[in-house]
């Protein structure tokens, strides 16, 4: 198994130390595994897409404007 060194802000490290019973390396390993699985799924779903980055930005803009309208209404 490979080793990875992780840098954390000192404040976060102090907070984590309060929970010494937690296996933080396991928490990090699971979070990384979930992120990789999510990215692999996204890659699979978009591999045949004909959308350009510009198309995606336009769709995102439309969604954001609609959400903003509903929240401000």
Protein backbone atom coordinates (compact mmCIF):
# COMPACT_ATOMS: atom_id res chain seq x y z
CA UNK A 1 0.00 0.00 0.00
CA UNK A 2 1.28 3.48 -0.87
CA UNK A 3 1.73 6.19 1.76
CA UNK A 4 0.50 9.75 1.34
CA UNK A 5 1.48 12.73 3.47
CA UNK A 6 -1.32 15.16 4.22
CA UNK A 7 -0.86 18.76 5.37
CA UNK A 8 -3.56 20.24 7.58
CA UNK A 9 -4.03 23.64 9.18
CA UNK A 10 -2.82 23.59 12.78
CA UNK A 11 -6.30 24.49 14.06
CA UNK A 12 -7.83 21.46 12.35
CA UNK A 13 -5.12 19.20 13.73
CA UNK A 14 -5.83 20.42 17.27
CA UNK A 15 -9.54 19.77 16.80
CA UNK A 16 -8.89 16.27 15.45
CA UNK A 17 -6.68 15.41 18.43
CA UNK A 18 -9.74 15.70 20.69
CA UNK A 19 -11.08 12.57 18.97
CA UNK A 20 -8.07 10.29 19.34
CA UNK A 21 -10.25 7.17 19.02
CA UNK A 22 -10.97 8.02 15.37
CA UNK A 23 -8.74 6.37 12.78
CA UNK A 24 -8.16 9.50 10.71
CA UNK A 25 -6.21 7.66 8.03
CA UNK A 26 -9.28 5.47 7.45
CA UNK A 27 -11.53 8.55 7.27
CA UNK A 28 -9.19 10.10 4.67
CA UNK A 29 -8.92 6.82 2.73
CA UNK A 30 -12.72 6.51 2.49
CA UNK A 31 -13.12 10.15 1.44
CA UNK A 32 -10.50 9.75 -1.27
CA UNK A 33 -12.08 6.51 -2.50
CA UNK A 34 -15.50 8.19 -2.75
CA UNK A 35 -14.06 11.15 -4.65
CA UNK A 36 -12.24 8.87 -7.10
CA UNK A 37 -15.40 6.80 -7.64
CA UNK A 38 -17.43 9.99 -8.23
CA UNK A 39 -14.87 11.26 -10.75
CA UNK A 40 -14.78 7.91 -12.53
CA UNK A 41 -18.57 7.92 -12.80
CA UNK A 42 -18.55 11.50 -14.08
CA UNK A 43 -15.90 10.55 -16.63
CA UNK A 44 -17.97 7.58 -17.78
CA UNK A 45 -21.16 9.64 -18.05
CA UNK A 46 -19.49 12.43 -20.01
CA UNK A 47 -17.24 10.35 -22.24
CA UNK A 48 -19.79 10.32 -25.08
CA UNK A 49 -21.09 13.82 -24.49
CA UNK A 50 -21.08 16.28 -27.37
CA UNK A 51 -21.46 19.28 -25.05
CA UNK A 52 -18.65 21.78 -25.19
CA UNK A 53 -17.37 23.60 -22.14
CA UNK A 54 -19.16 26.71 -23.42
CA UNK A 55 -22.44 24.75 -23.63
CA UNK A 56 -22.00 23.55 -20.06
CA UNK A 57 -21.29 27.10 -18.84
CA UNK A 58 -24.44 28.38 -20.57
CA UNK A 59 -26.57 25.65 -18.98
CA UNK A 60 -24.99 26.34 -15.59
CA UNK A 61 -25.74 30.04 -15.94
CA UNK A 62 -29.38 29.35 -16.77
CA UNK A 63 -29.75 27.04 -13.79
CA UNK A 64 -28.11 29.55 -11.45
CA UNK A 65 -30.40 32.35 -12.65
CA UNK A 66 -33.52 30.21 -12.19
CA UNK A 67 -32.46 29.12 -8.71
CA UNK A 68 -31.73 32.73 -7.76
CA UNK A 69 -35.18 33.80 -9.01
CA UNK A 70 -36.88 31.16 -6.86
CA UNK A 71 -34.85 31.99 -3.78
CA UNK A 72 -35.45 35.72 -4.11
CA UNK A 73 -39.17 35.42 -4.94
